[in-house]
Each structure stands twice: as C-alpha cells, then as structure tokens.
C-alpha cells in the first residue's frame, strides 16, 4: 500500500496533473464552454443511438467550435499525459500480477 501511495503522490505532484486540475477549475467558470461541452456530449449520445448524418454534421461543427478554445486544448493535452502515466502504472501492475499468477502455477 505504501508503494501505491508513492506512485499516487508522484503522479499528483507532476506538472501535468497540477495543470489539469488548474485548467479544469478555470474551465468550470466558463459557462459558454461548459454548455458547449454538454451539447457535444448530448449530440454524441444522439449520434450513437441514431447514426444520423445530420446529427454527425452538427456534432462535428460543435467539436470544431470546442477545439477553438485554447484552454480546452491545453486541458486535454495535460489530461492525456496524466492518463498515460496512469495507464503505464496499470500495465505494470497487470504484468506483475500475471507474472505472480503464472509462477505460482
């Protein structure tokens, strides 16, 4: 457990993690951006259910608008970096447990 806490501490002390949290907080105060994010989510659900080309066009337009926000792009960049770190840890843990299980058999 102590080792896991060290890993968590390491990740939460990275600039990527800190920037992700800071940008998420800044984004939370931008009503226009939050509304756009909600519209994109809603359109994604509609498109998955209906697979309609007009919904896809509207979704693409909203995503392009969303991507025009520099804060949103920065947030996604840092979030991706954090997710990669977490994924790496997850892969290492899976490898470790697979090794332990295979050695015991």
N, C-alpha and C. Protein backbone atom coordinates (compact mmCIF):
# COMPACT_ATOMS: atom_id res chain seq x y z
N UNK A 1 0.82 -1.19 0.00
CA UNK A 1 0.00 0.00 0.00
C UNK A 1 0.86 1.25 0.00
N UNK A 2 1.97 1.19 0.73
CA UNK A 2 2.86 2.35 0.79
C UNK A 2 3.43 2.68 -0.60
N UNK A 3 3.77 1.65 -1.35
CA UNK A 3 4.30 1.87 -2.70
C UNK A 3 3.26 2.49 -3.60
N UNK A 4 2.04 2.05 -3.47
CA UNK A 4 0.95 2.63 -4.27
C UNK A 4 0.76 4.10 -3.93
N UNK A 5 0.83 4.43 -2.66
CA UNK A 5 0.72 5.83 -2.25
C UNK A 5 1.85 6.67 -2.83
N UNK A 6 3.03 6.09 -2.94
CA UNK A 6 4.16 6.80 -3.54
C UNK A 6 3.89 7.10 -5.01
N UNK A 7 3.33 6.13 -5.69
CA UNK A 7 3.01 6.32 -7.11
C UNK A 7 1.95 7.40 -7.26
N UNK A 8 0.93 7.34 -6.44
CA UNK A 8 -0.13 8.35 -6.48
C UNK A 8 0.44 9.73 -6.18
N UNK A 9 1.28 9.81 -5.17
CA UNK A 9 1.92 11.09 -4.84
C UNK A 9 2.76 11.60 -6.00
N UNK A 10 3.48 10.69 -6.62
CA UNK A 10 4.31 11.10 -7.76
C UNK A 10 3.44 11.71 -8.86
N UNK A 11 2.38 11.01 -9.23
CA UNK A 11 1.51 11.49 -10.31
C UNK A 11 0.87 12.82 -9.93
N UNK A 12 0.35 12.91 -8.72
CA UNK A 12 -0.34 14.14 -8.32
C UNK A 12 0.60 15.32 -8.12
N UNK A 13 1.90 15.06 -8.07
CA UNK A 13 2.87 16.15 -7.96
C UNK A 13 3.49 16.55 -9.29
N UNK A 14 3.07 15.91 -10.37
CA UNK A 14 3.60 16.29 -11.68
C UNK A 14 2.95 17.58 -12.16
N UNK A 15 3.66 18.27 -13.02
CA UNK A 15 3.11 19.50 -13.61
C UNK A 15 1.87 19.17 -14.44
N UNK A 16 1.88 18.04 -15.11
CA UNK A 16 0.72 17.66 -15.94
C UNK A 16 -0.53 17.55 -15.09
N UNK A 17 -0.42 16.89 -13.96
CA UNK A 17 -1.58 16.73 -13.09
C UNK A 17 -2.02 18.08 -12.53
N UNK A 18 -1.07 18.85 -12.04
CA UNK A 18 -1.40 20.15 -11.47
C UNK A 18 -2.04 21.08 -12.50
N UNK A 19 -1.51 21.05 -13.72
CA UNK A 19 -2.10 21.88 -14.78
C UNK A 19 -3.50 21.40 -15.17
N UNK A 20 -3.69 20.10 -15.17
CA UNK A 20 -5.02 19.56 -15.46
C UNK A 20 -6.04 20.06 -14.45
N UNK A 21 -5.70 20.01 -13.19
CA UNK A 21 -6.61 20.46 -12.13
C UNK A 21 -6.86 21.96 -12.24
N UNK A 22 -5.80 22.72 -12.46
CA UNK A 22 -5.93 24.17 -12.57
C UNK A 22 -6.82 24.56 -13.76
N UNK A 23 -6.59 23.93 -14.90
CA UNK A 23 -7.37 24.25 -16.08
C UNK A 23 -8.83 23.80 -15.94
N UNK A 24 -9.03 22.65 -15.31
CA UNK A 24 -10.40 22.20 -15.08
C UNK A 24 -11.16 23.20 -14.22
N UNK A 25 -10.49 23.72 -13.22
CA UNK A 25 -11.11 24.73 -12.36
C UNK A 25 -11.43 26.00 -13.16
N UNK A 26 -10.50 26.44 -13.98
CA UNK A 26 -10.75 27.62 -14.79
C UNK A 26 -11.90 27.39 -15.77
N UNK A 27 -11.93 26.21 -16.35
CA UNK A 27 -13.00 25.89 -17.30
C UNK A 27 -14.36 25.85 -16.61
N UNK A 28 -14.37 25.46 -15.37
CA UNK A 28 -15.65 25.34 -14.66
C UNK A 28 -16.34 26.69 -14.50
N UNK A 29 -15.59 27.76 -14.63
CA UNK A 29 -16.16 29.10 -14.50
C UNK A 29 -16.59 29.69 -15.85
N UNK A 30 -16.37 28.94 -16.91
CA UNK A 30 -16.73 29.42 -18.24
C UNK A 30 -18.03 28.74 -18.68
N UNK A 31 -19.12 29.44 -18.48
CA UNK A 31 -20.45 28.89 -18.77
C UNK A 31 -20.59 28.51 -20.24
N UNK A 32 -20.11 29.36 -21.11
CA UNK A 32 -20.21 29.10 -22.55
C UNK A 32 -19.49 27.81 -22.92
N UNK A 33 -18.32 27.63 -22.40
CA UNK A 33 -17.55 26.42 -22.68
C UNK A 33 -18.23 25.19 -22.09
N UNK A 34 -18.72 25.28 -20.89
CA UNK A 34 -19.42 24.15 -20.26
C UNK A 34 -20.69 23.78 -21.01
N UNK A 35 -21.41 24.77 -21.48
CA UNK A 35 -22.61 24.49 -22.27
C UNK A 35 -22.25 23.78 -23.56
N UNK A 36 -21.18 24.21 -24.18
CA UNK A 36 -20.73 23.58 -25.41
C UNK A 36 -20.31 22.13 -25.17
N UNK A 37 -19.61 21.89 -24.10
CA UNK A 37 -19.21 20.52 -23.75
C UNK A 37 -20.44 19.64 -23.54
N UNK A 38 -21.43 20.16 -22.86
CA UNK A 38 -22.67 19.40 -22.64
C UNK A 38 -23.40 19.14 -23.95
N UNK A 39 -23.38 20.12 -24.85
CA UNK A 39 -24.01 19.93 -26.17
C UNK A 39 -23.30 18.82 -26.93
N UNK A 40 -22.00 18.82 -26.88
CA UNK A 40 -21.23 17.78 -27.58
C UNK A 40 -21.57 16.41 -27.00
N UNK A 41 -21.61 16.29 -25.70
CA UNK A 41 -21.95 15.01 -25.07
C UNK A 41 -23.34 14.54 -25.49
N UNK A 42 -24.27 15.46 -25.48
CA UNK A 42 -25.64 15.13 -25.87
C UNK A 42 -25.71 14.68 -27.34
N UNK A 43 -25.03 15.41 -28.19
CA UNK A 43 -25.02 15.04 -29.61
C UNK A 43 -24.32 13.71 -29.84
N UNK A 44 -23.28 13.43 -29.08
CA UNK A 44 -22.60 12.14 -29.20
C UNK A 44 -23.56 10.99 -28.87
N UNK A 45 -24.34 11.17 -27.82
CA UNK A 45 -25.32 10.14 -27.45
C UNK A 45 -26.37 9.97 -28.53
N UNK A 46 -26.86 11.09 -29.06
CA UNK A 46 -27.86 11.03 -30.13
C UNK A 46 -27.29 10.33 -31.36
N UNK A 47 -26.08 10.67 -31.69
CA UNK A 47 -25.47 10.09 -32.88
C UNK A 47 -25.27 8.58 -32.72
N UNK A 48 -24.85 8.16 -31.55
CA UNK A 48 -24.67 6.73 -31.30
C UNK A 48 -25.98 5.98 -31.43
N UNK A 49 -27.05 6.59 -30.92
CA UNK A 49 -28.36 5.93 -30.99
C UNK A 49 -28.93 5.92 -32.39
N UNK A 50 -28.73 7.02 -33.13
CA UNK A 50 -29.43 7.18 -34.42
C UNK A 50 -28.55 7.02 -35.65
N UNK A 51 -27.25 7.22 -35.48
CA UNK A 51 -26.33 7.15 -36.61
C UNK A 51 -26.84 7.98 -37.79
N UNK A 52 -27.28 9.18 -37.46
CA UNK A 52 -27.86 10.09 -38.44
C UNK A 52 -26.81 11.08 -38.94
N UNK A 53 -26.74 11.27 -40.25
CA UNK A 53 -25.71 12.12 -40.84
C UNK A 53 -25.86 13.60 -40.45
N UNK A 54 -27.07 14.07 -40.29
CA UNK A 54 -27.27 15.47 -39.89
C UNK A 54 -26.80 15.70 -38.45
N UNK A 55 -27.01 14.71 -37.61
CA UNK A 55 -26.52 14.79 -36.23
C UNK A 55 -24.99 14.79 -36.24
N UNK A 56 -24.41 13.96 -37.08
CA UNK A 56 -22.96 13.88 -37.20
C UNK A 56 -22.39 15.23 -37.64
N UNK A 57 -23.02 15.87 -38.59
CA UNK A 57 -22.57 17.18 -39.07
C UNK A 57 -22.62 18.21 -37.94
N UNK A 58 -23.72 18.23 -37.21
CA UNK A 58 -23.87 19.16 -36.09
C UNK A 58 -22.82 18.86 -35.01
N UNK A 59 -22.61 17.59 -34.74
CA UNK A 59 -21.61 17.18 -33.76
C UNK A 59 -20.22 17.64 -34.19
N UNK A 60 -19.87 17.42 -35.42
CA UNK A 60 -18.57 17.85 -35.93
C UNK A 60 -18.39 19.36 -35.82
N UNK A 61 -19.44 20.10 -36.12
CA UNK A 61 -19.38 21.57 -36.00
C UNK A 61 -19.14 21.99 -34.56
N UNK A 62 -19.84 21.34 -33.64
CA UNK A 62 -19.69 21.68 -32.21
C UNK A 62 -18.29 21.31 -31.71
N UNK A 63 -17.80 20.18 -32.16
CA UNK A 63 -16.45 19.76 -31.76
C UNK A 63 -15.41 20.74 -32.29
N UNK A 64 -15.58 21.18 -33.52
CA UNK A 64 -14.66 22.17 -34.07
C UNK A 64 -14.70 23.46 -33.27
N UNK A 65 -15.88 23.87 -32.87
CA UNK A 65 -16.00 25.07 -32.05
C UNK A 65 -15.33 24.84 -30.70
N UNK A 66 -15.57 23.69 -30.12
CA UNK A 66 -14.97 23.36 -28.83
C UNK A 66 -13.44 23.37 -28.92
N UNK A 67 -12.93 22.85 -30.00
CA UNK A 67 -11.48 22.79 -30.19
C UNK A 67 -10.86 24.16 -30.47
N UNK A 68 -11.68 25.15 -30.68
CA UNK A 68 -11.15 26.51 -30.90
C UNK A 68 -10.83 27.21 -29.58
N UNK A 69 -11.18 26.59 -28.46
CA UNK A 69 -10.89 27.14 -27.14
C UNK A 69 -9.49 26.67 -26.71
N UNK A 70 -8.53 27.57 -26.62
CA UNK A 70 -7.18 27.15 -26.23
C UNK A 70 -7.13 26.47 -24.85
N UNK A 71 -7.94 26.93 -23.92
CA UNK A 71 -7.93 26.33 -22.59
C UNK A 71 -8.39 24.87 -22.65
N UNK A 72 -9.35 24.59 -23.50
CA UNK A 72 -9.86 23.23 -23.66
C UNK A 72 -8.77 22.32 -24.25
N UNK A 73 -8.06 22.84 -25.25
CA UNK A 73 -6.98 22.06 -25.86
C UNK A 73 -5.85 21.80 -24.88
N UNK A 74 -5.49 22.80 -24.11
CA UNK A 74 -4.44 22.62 -23.10
C UNK A 74 -4.87 21.60 -22.05
N UNK A 75 -6.09 21.72 -21.61
CA UNK A 75 -6.63 20.77 -20.63
C UNK A 75 -6.53 19.35 -21.16
N UNK A 76 -6.96 19.14 -22.39
CA UNK A 76 -6.92 17.79 -22.97
C UNK A 76 -5.49 17.28 -23.12
N UNK A 77 -4.56 18.15 -23.46
CA UNK A 77 -3.16 17.76 -23.58
C UNK A 77 -2.63 17.26 -22.24
N UNK A 78 -2.87 18.02 -21.18
CA UNK A 78 -2.37 17.61 -19.87
C UNK A 78 -3.12 16.38 -19.35
N UNK A 79 -4.40 16.32 -19.61
CA UNK A 79 -5.17 15.16 -19.19
C UNK A 79 -4.65 13.89 -19.87
N UNK A 80 -4.32 13.99 -21.13
CA UNK A 80 -3.77 12.84 -21.85
C UNK A 80 -2.45 12.39 -21.22
N UNK A 81 -1.61 13.34 -20.84
CA UNK A 81 -0.35 12.99 -20.19
C UNK A 81 -0.58 12.26 -18.87
N UNK A 82 -1.53 12.74 -18.09
CA UNK A 82 -1.86 12.09 -16.82
C UNK A 82 -2.42 10.70 -17.08
N UNK A 83 -3.30 10.59 -18.04
CA UNK A 83 -3.88 9.28 -18.36
C UNK A 83 -2.82 8.29 -18.84
N UNK A 84 -1.82 8.79 -19.55
CA UNK A 84 -0.73 7.91 -19.99
C UNK A 84 0.07 7.39 -18.79
N UNK A 85 0.31 8.25 -17.82
CA UNK A 85 1.00 7.81 -16.61
C UNK A 85 0.19 6.73 -15.89
N UNK A 86 -1.09 6.97 -15.76
CA UNK A 86 -1.96 6.01 -15.07
C UNK A 86 -2.01 4.70 -15.85
N UNK A 87 -2.09 4.79 -17.15
CA UNK A 87 -2.12 3.60 -17.98
C UNK A 87 -0.82 2.80 -17.85
N UNK A 88 0.29 3.49 -17.78
CA UNK A 88 1.58 2.82 -17.60
C UNK A 88 1.60 2.05 -16.28
N UNK A 89 1.15 2.70 -15.22
CA UNK A 89 1.10 2.04 -13.91
C UNK A 89 0.18 0.82 -13.97
N UNK A 90 -0.96 1.00 -14.60
CA UNK A 90 -1.92 -0.10 -14.73
C UNK A 90 -1.29 -1.28 -15.50
N UNK A 91 -0.61 -0.98 -16.59
CA UNK A 91 0.05 -2.04 -17.36
C UNK A 91 1.11 -2.76 -16.53
N UNK A 92 1.88 -1.99 -15.79
CA UNK A 92 2.92 -2.60 -14.95
C UNK A 92 2.31 -3.50 -13.87
N UNK A 93 1.22 -3.04 -13.27
CA UNK A 93 0.54 -3.86 -12.26
C UNK A 93 -0.02 -5.13 -12.87
N UNK A 94 -0.62 -5.02 -14.04
CA UNK A 94 -1.14 -6.21 -14.72
C UNK A 94 -0.02 -7.20 -15.03
N UNK A 95 1.09 -6.68 -15.52
CA UNK A 95 2.23 -7.56 -15.81
C UNK A 95 2.73 -8.25 -14.54
N UNK A 96 2.81 -7.49 -13.48
CA UNK A 96 3.28 -8.04 -12.20
C UNK A 96 2.36 -9.17 -11.73
N UNK A 97 1.05 -8.92 -11.74
CA UNK A 97 0.12 -9.94 -11.26
C UNK A 97 0.08 -11.15 -12.18
N UNK A 98 0.21 -10.93 -13.46
CA UNK A 98 0.27 -12.07 -14.38
C UNK A 98 1.50 -12.92 -14.10
N UNK A 99 2.60 -12.28 -13.83
CA UNK A 99 3.83 -12.99 -13.52
C UNK A 99 3.68 -13.79 -12.22
N UNK A 100 3.11 -13.17 -11.22
CA UNK A 100 2.90 -13.84 -9.93
C UNK A 100 1.97 -15.04 -10.09
N UNK A 101 0.91 -14.86 -10.81
CA UNK A 101 -0.05 -15.95 -11.02
C UNK A 101 0.58 -17.09 -11.82
N UNK A 102 1.32 -16.76 -12.85
CA UNK A 102 1.94 -17.80 -13.69
C UNK A 102 3.06 -18.54 -12.96
N UNK A 103 3.77 -17.86 -12.09
CA UNK A 103 4.83 -18.51 -11.34
C UNK A 103 4.28 -19.45 -10.27
N UNK A 104 3.10 -19.15 -9.77
CA UNK A 104 2.52 -19.99 -8.73
C UNK A 104 1.86 -21.25 -9.31
N UNK A 105 1.67 -21.28 -10.60
CA UNK A 105 1.03 -22.46 -11.24
C UNK A 105 2.01 -23.47 -11.68
